[in-house]
Amino acid sequence: MEHLPELLTKVCPDSDIAKKIKCSRTKCSCIVKNVIGKKNEKEICEILSNTKFSLIIDESTDRSCTKHLCLVCRYRHNKTIQDSFLALLPLKDAKAEDLYREVTNFFDRKKIPYQRNLIGFASDGASVMVGRHNSVVSRLKVDIPNVYVVKCICHSFHLCASNACLKLPRSIEDLAREIYPYFSNSPKRVETFKEFQSFSNVNIHKILHPAQTRWLSLETVVSRILEQYNALILFFTDATFLEFSLAFFNNLNRQMQCEKPVIQELHKSVSVV
């Protein structure tokens, strides 16, 4: 928006309207938040007040460490099924009671009869959302006994994969997770690894970072490790040899710089090296 008015003036040099447009980032943000956003919210709330709908929610924390609860609704309008962003609610805490209270308070403020019109609920498989006791779902079912609950299938697959792979040695997953930080924290190691990649005739690809909360992300990580396996073997063999041998040279170097006479020990030290 900082550049759009100038662009419109150049594209339409003969337009008086284009020349009069004065709208940068601040004004545009206010228009979106206080005009377009409010209007769309009002329209959606009016629809939800008069039709059956389902609710999809998810809690997250942004970079400023502020917790938010996102609400997305699914409903039938104009003979089509539509998914619409409904609200982003700030949270002080993410306990089940707090999540439930924020959702129901929002519906009450907007005069949406959720106890009559809410027929479906979807979220991830976290216990705070869909647990049998003390969850958002357990509280919703008190208000709406027949509400249809759907868990996130990807979250369920993640739990299945995590539990199944408990049968594998832990060292396998640890290896996949530890290779990435070994390279990411050292540009020198990355450049050295490229030499081994070229020598091994493999593509110059980076080692991938596995997600901490999604076990299924390890598939691409393992595939990349297998692709770079020969180069990794050569790299770590070289690194291991250097780590083993440099200790001898460092000890010899310290002896050579010693302030006390150690000439009687130098022959033994040199012979060991």
Protein backbone atom coordinates (compact mmCIF):
# COMPACT_ATOMS: atom_id res chain seq x y z
CA MET A 1 0.00 0.00 0.00
CA GLU A 2 2.95 2.35 0.40
CA HIS A 3 3.54 2.10 -3.36
CA LEU A 4 0.06 1.43 -4.78
CA PRO A 5 -1.14 5.08 -5.11
CA GLU A 6 2.03 5.99 -7.01
CA LEU A 7 1.62 2.91 -9.23
CA LEU A 8 -1.99 3.80 -10.03
CA THR A 9 -0.96 7.33 -10.97
CA LYS A 10 1.62 6.01 -13.41
CA VAL A 11 -0.71 3.37 -14.86
CA CYS A 12 -3.58 5.86 -15.23
CA PRO A 13 -1.87 9.23 -15.77
CA ASP A 14 -5.04 10.83 -17.17
CA SER A 15 -7.30 9.74 -14.31
CA ASP A 16 -8.21 12.41 -11.78
CA ILE A 17 -9.43 9.71 -9.39
CA ALA A 18 -6.06 7.95 -9.42
CA LYS A 19 -4.30 11.23 -8.64
CA LYS A 20 -6.54 11.84 -5.61
CA ILE A 21 -5.97 8.43 -3.98
CA LYS A 22 -4.13 8.88 -0.68
CA CYS A 23 -3.97 5.53 1.10
CA SER A 24 -0.89 3.97 2.65
CA ARG A 25 -0.36 1.18 5.14
CA THR A 26 -1.94 2.81 8.19
CA LYS A 27 -5.16 3.89 6.49
CA CYS A 28 -5.47 0.58 4.64
CA SER A 29 -5.06 -1.39 7.89
CA CYS A 30 -7.81 0.67 9.51
CA ILE A 31 -10.14 0.13 6.54
CA VAL A 32 -9.57 -3.64 6.59
CA LYS A 33 -9.97 -3.97 10.37
CA ASN A 34 -12.74 -1.47 11.04
CA VAL A 35 -14.76 -1.48 7.82
CA ILE A 36 -14.29 -4.57 5.64
CA GLY A 37 -13.60 -6.91 8.56
CA LYS A 38 -16.49 -5.66 10.68
CA LYS A 39 -18.89 -5.85 7.75
CA ASN A 40 -17.91 -9.42 6.88
CA GLU A 41 -18.11 -10.47 10.51
CA LYS A 42 -21.60 -9.01 10.82
CA GLU A 43 -22.76 -10.80 7.66
CA ILE A 44 -21.38 -14.17 8.82
CA CYS A 45 -22.87 -13.80 12.29
CA GLU A 46 -26.28 -13.05 10.77
CA ILE A 47 -26.01 -16.20 8.68
CA LEU A 48 -24.98 -18.33 11.67
CA SER A 49 -27.89 -16.95 13.67
CA ASN A 50 -30.33 -18.48 11.17
CA THR A 51 -28.68 -21.64 9.91
CA LYS A 52 -26.95 -24.79 11.14
CA PHE A 53 -23.15 -24.65 11.18
CA SER A 54 -20.00 -26.45 12.31
CA LEU A 55 -17.09 -24.94 14.19
CA ILE A 56 -13.37 -25.57 13.71
CA ILE A 57 -11.02 -24.18 16.37
CA ASP A 58 -7.28 -24.22 17.00
CA GLU A 59 -5.08 -22.57 19.62
CA SER A 60 -1.67 -21.16 18.83
CA THR A 61 0.97 -18.78 20.15
CA ASP A 62 2.43 -16.05 17.96
CA ARG A 63 5.97 -14.66 17.99
CA SER A 64 5.10 -12.15 20.68
CA CYS A 65 4.16 -15.09 22.97
CA THR A 66 0.47 -14.12 22.83
CA LYS A 67 -1.97 -17.03 22.79
CA HIS A 68 -4.82 -16.89 20.28
CA LEU A 69 -7.82 -19.05 19.48
CA CYS A 70 -8.83 -19.17 15.83
CA LEU A 71 -12.47 -19.85 14.94
CA VAL A 72 -13.51 -21.08 11.49
CA CYS A 73 -17.12 -21.91 10.67
CA ARG A 74 -18.62 -24.14 7.99
CA TYR A 75 -22.17 -23.52 6.84
CA ARG A 76 -24.50 -23.73 3.85
CA HIS A 77 -25.20 -20.46 2.07
CA ASN A 78 -26.49 -19.75 -1.43
CA LYS A 79 -26.75 -23.51 -2.04
CA THR A 80 -23.03 -24.04 -1.39
CA ILE A 81 -20.97 -25.17 1.59
CA GLN A 82 -18.65 -22.39 2.71
CA ASP A 83 -15.76 -22.17 5.17
CA SER A 84 -15.26 -18.70 6.65
CA PHE A 85 -12.83 -17.20 9.10
CA LEU A 86 -14.91 -16.11 12.07
CA ALA A 87 -12.63 -14.68 14.75
CA LEU A 88 -9.17 -14.65 16.33
CA LEU A 89 -9.61 -14.43 20.08
CA PRO A 90 -6.71 -13.49 22.42
CA LEU A 91 -6.27 -15.83 25.38
CA LYS A 92 -4.82 -15.42 28.83
CA ASP A 93 -4.63 -19.16 29.30
CA ALA A 94 -5.24 -22.20 27.10
CA LYS A 95 -6.99 -24.49 29.58
CA ALA A 96 -10.16 -26.25 28.50
CA GLU A 97 -12.33 -24.04 30.69
CA ASP A 98 -10.80 -20.89 29.18
CA LEU A 99 -11.19 -22.10 25.60
CA TYR A 100 -14.79 -23.10 26.16
CA ARG A 101 -15.59 -19.80 27.86
CA GLU A 102 -14.06 -17.72 25.05
CA VAL A 103 -16.01 -19.60 22.38
CA THR A 104 -19.37 -19.44 24.13
CA ASN A 105 -18.88 -15.81 25.17
CA PHE A 106 -18.17 -14.91 21.56
CA PHE A 107 -21.40 -16.55 20.40
CA ASP A 108 -23.34 -14.82 23.17
CA ARG A 109 -21.88 -11.41 22.29
CA LYS A 110 -22.80 -11.89 18.64
CA LYS A 111 -26.25 -13.24 19.56
CA ILE A 112 -25.65 -16.54 17.80
CA PRO A 113 -27.80 -19.35 19.31
CA TYR A 114 -25.02 -21.95 19.23
CA GLN A 115 -26.93 -24.38 21.43
CA ARG A 116 -29.54 -24.65 18.68
CA ASN A 117 -27.48 -24.14 15.50
CA LEU A 118 -24.08 -25.69 16.27
CA ILE A 119 -24.15 -29.27 14.97
CA GLY A 120 -20.46 -30.08 14.40
CA PHE A 121 -17.14 -29.44 16.12
CA ALA A 122 -13.62 -30.12 14.84
CA SER A 123 -10.15 -29.61 16.33
CA ASP A 124 -6.83 -31.37 16.78
CA GLY A 125 -6.62 -34.45 18.98
CA ALA A 126 -5.17 -32.72 22.04
CA SER A 127 -6.74 -33.79 25.33
CA VAL A 128 -7.59 -30.19 26.19
CA MET A 129 -9.79 -30.14 23.07
CA VAL A 130 -11.37 -33.59 22.81
CA GLY A 131 -10.54 -35.44 26.03
CA ARG A 132 -13.29 -37.42 27.71
CA HIS A 133 -13.05 -35.37 30.87
CA ASN A 134 -12.35 -31.70 31.41
CA SER A 135 -12.08 -30.68 27.74
CA VAL A 136 -13.79 -28.28 25.35
CA VAL A 137 -15.81 -31.14 23.87
CA SER A 138 -16.92 -32.49 27.26
CA ARG A 139 -18.26 -29.03 28.12
CA LEU A 140 -19.89 -28.53 24.73
CA LYS A 141 -21.73 -31.82 25.06
CA VAL A 142 -23.36 -30.56 28.21
CA ASP A 143 -24.89 -27.74 26.14
CA ILE A 144 -25.29 -29.75 22.92
CA PRO A 145 -25.52 -33.50 23.67
CA ASN A 146 -25.73 -34.51 19.98
CA VAL A 147 -22.92 -32.34 18.62
CA TYR A 148 -20.85 -34.27 16.06
CA VAL A 149 -17.11 -34.24 16.92
CA VAL A 150 -14.35 -34.73 14.34
CA LYS A 151 -10.68 -34.97 15.31
CA CYS A 152 -7.91 -33.82 12.97
CA ILE A 153 -6.93 -36.91 10.95
CA CYS A 154 -3.35 -35.62 10.52
CA HIS A 155 -3.00 -35.30 14.29
CA SER A 156 -4.31 -38.85 14.70
CA PHE A 157 -1.82 -40.15 12.10
CA HIS A 158 0.94 -38.36 14.00
CA LEU A 159 -0.02 -40.08 17.25
CA CYS A 160 -0.19 -43.48 15.51
CA ALA A 161 3.23 -43.00 13.93
CA SER A 162 4.79 -41.83 17.20
CA ASN A 163 3.41 -44.78 19.18
CA ALA A 164 4.33 -47.31 16.50
CA CYS A 165 7.91 -46.06 16.30
CA LEU A 166 8.40 -46.49 20.03
CA LYS A 167 9.22 -50.07 19.03
CA LEU A 168 12.30 -48.78 17.18
CA PRO A 169 15.55 -47.90 18.99
CA ARG A 170 15.48 -44.32 20.21
CA SER A 171 18.93 -43.74 18.71
CA ILE A 172 17.46 -43.77 15.18
CA GLU A 173 15.22 -40.77 15.81
CA ASP A 174 17.94 -39.03 17.83
CA LEU A 175 20.34 -39.35 14.91
CA ALA A 176 17.81 -37.85 12.49
CA ARG A 177 17.22 -34.92 14.84
CA GLU A 178 20.86 -34.26 15.76
CA ILE A 179 22.41 -34.12 12.27
CA TYR A 180 20.64 -30.88 11.32
CA PRO A 181 21.83 -28.70 14.27
CA TYR A 182 25.38 -30.02 13.76
CA PHE A 183 25.45 -28.30 10.36
CA SER A 184 23.04 -25.38 10.91
CA ASN A 185 25.20 -23.78 13.59
CA SER A 186 28.39 -23.81 11.52
CA PRO A 187 28.70 -22.27 8.02
CA LYS A 188 32.21 -23.74 7.86
CA ARG A 189 30.83 -27.28 8.27
CA VAL A 190 28.23 -26.61 5.56
CA GLU A 191 30.92 -25.52 3.10
CA THR A 192 33.10 -28.50 4.00
CA PHE A 193 30.14 -30.84 3.56
CA LYS A 194 29.56 -29.44 0.04
CA GLU A 195 33.04 -30.68 -0.91
CA PHE A 196 32.14 -34.18 0.23
CA GLN A 197 28.83 -33.96 -1.64
CA SER A 198 30.63 -33.07 -4.86
CA PHE A 199 33.15 -35.87 -4.31
CA SER A 200 30.31 -38.38 -3.73
CA ASN A 201 28.38 -37.15 -6.82
CA VAL A 202 25.21 -36.35 -4.87
CA ASN A 203 23.01 -33.28 -5.16
CA ILE A 204 24.04 -30.25 -3.10
CA HIS A 205 21.01 -30.36 -0.81
CA LYS A 206 20.73 -29.12 2.75
CA ILE A 207 20.02 -31.44 5.66
CA LEU A 208 16.40 -30.91 6.69
CA HIS A 209 15.11 -29.92 10.11
CA PRO A 210 12.47 -32.25 11.63
CA ALA A 211 9.47 -30.59 13.24
CA GLN A 212 9.40 -30.99 17.01
CA THR A 213 5.63 -31.57 17.19
CA ARG A 214 4.99 -33.71 14.11
CA TRP A 215 6.65 -37.13 13.92
CA LEU A 216 5.45 -37.56 10.32
CA SER A 217 7.85 -34.80 9.24
CA LEU A 218 10.70 -37.24 9.80
CA GLU A 219 9.92 -38.97 6.50
CA THR A 220 11.44 -36.18 4.41
CA VAL A 221 14.30 -35.85 6.89
CA VAL A 222 15.18 -39.55 6.67
CA SER A 223 14.86 -39.48 2.86
CA ARG A 224 17.32 -36.59 2.69
CA ILE A 225 19.75 -38.37 5.03
CA LEU A 226 19.62 -41.50 2.84
CA GLU A 227 20.17 -39.37 -0.26
CA GLN A 228 23.26 -37.81 1.33
CA TYR A 229 24.38 -40.97 3.14
CA ASN A 230 27.71 -41.51 1.36
CA ALA A 231 28.69 -37.87 1.71
CA LEU A 232 27.70 -37.90 5.39
CA ILE A 233 29.78 -41.04 6.06
CA LEU A 234 32.85 -39.43 4.51
CA PHE A 235 32.27 -36.14 6.31
CA PHE A 236 31.86 -37.67 9.77
CA THR A 237 34.73 -40.12 9.21
CA ASP A 238 36.96 -37.16 8.44
CA ALA A 239 35.59 -35.17 11.40
CA THR A 240 36.05 -38.12 13.76
CA PHE A 241 39.63 -38.68 12.63
CA LEU A 242 40.45 -34.99 13.11
CA GLU A 243 38.88 -34.95 16.56
CA PHE A 244 40.89 -38.04 17.51
CA SER A 245 44.22 -36.89 16.07
CA LEU A 246 44.12 -33.20 16.97
CA ALA A 247 44.23 -34.00 20.66
CA PHE A 248 47.78 -35.38 20.25
CA PHE A 249 48.97 -32.34 18.34
CA ASN A 250 47.38 -29.95 20.82
CA ASN A 251 49.12 -31.70 23.72
CA LEU A 252 52.44 -31.56 21.86
CA ASN A 253 51.91 -27.87 21.09
CA ARG A 254 51.26 -27.12 24.77
CA GLN A 255 54.48 -28.92 25.71
CA MET A 256 56.46 -26.87 23.19
CA GLN A 257 55.12 -23.68 24.77
CA CYS A 258 55.73 -24.81 28.33
CA GLU A 259 57.73 -22.42 30.50
CA LYS A 260 59.47 -25.25 32.36
CA PRO A 261 62.14 -27.47 30.77
CA VAL A 262 60.48 -30.63 29.40
CA ILE A 263 63.11 -31.69 26.86
CA GLN A 264 63.30 -35.11 28.47
CA GLU A 265 59.62 -35.72 27.58
CA LEU A 266 59.61 -34.43 23.99
CA HIS A 267 60.91 -37.61 22.37
CA LYS A 268 58.17 -39.65 23.98
CA SER A 269 55.48 -37.11 22.95
CA VAL A 270 56.72 -36.90 19.35
CA SER A 271 56.85 -40.71 19.11
CA VAL A 272 53.22 -40.99 20.25
CA VAL A 273 52.11 -38.51 17.57
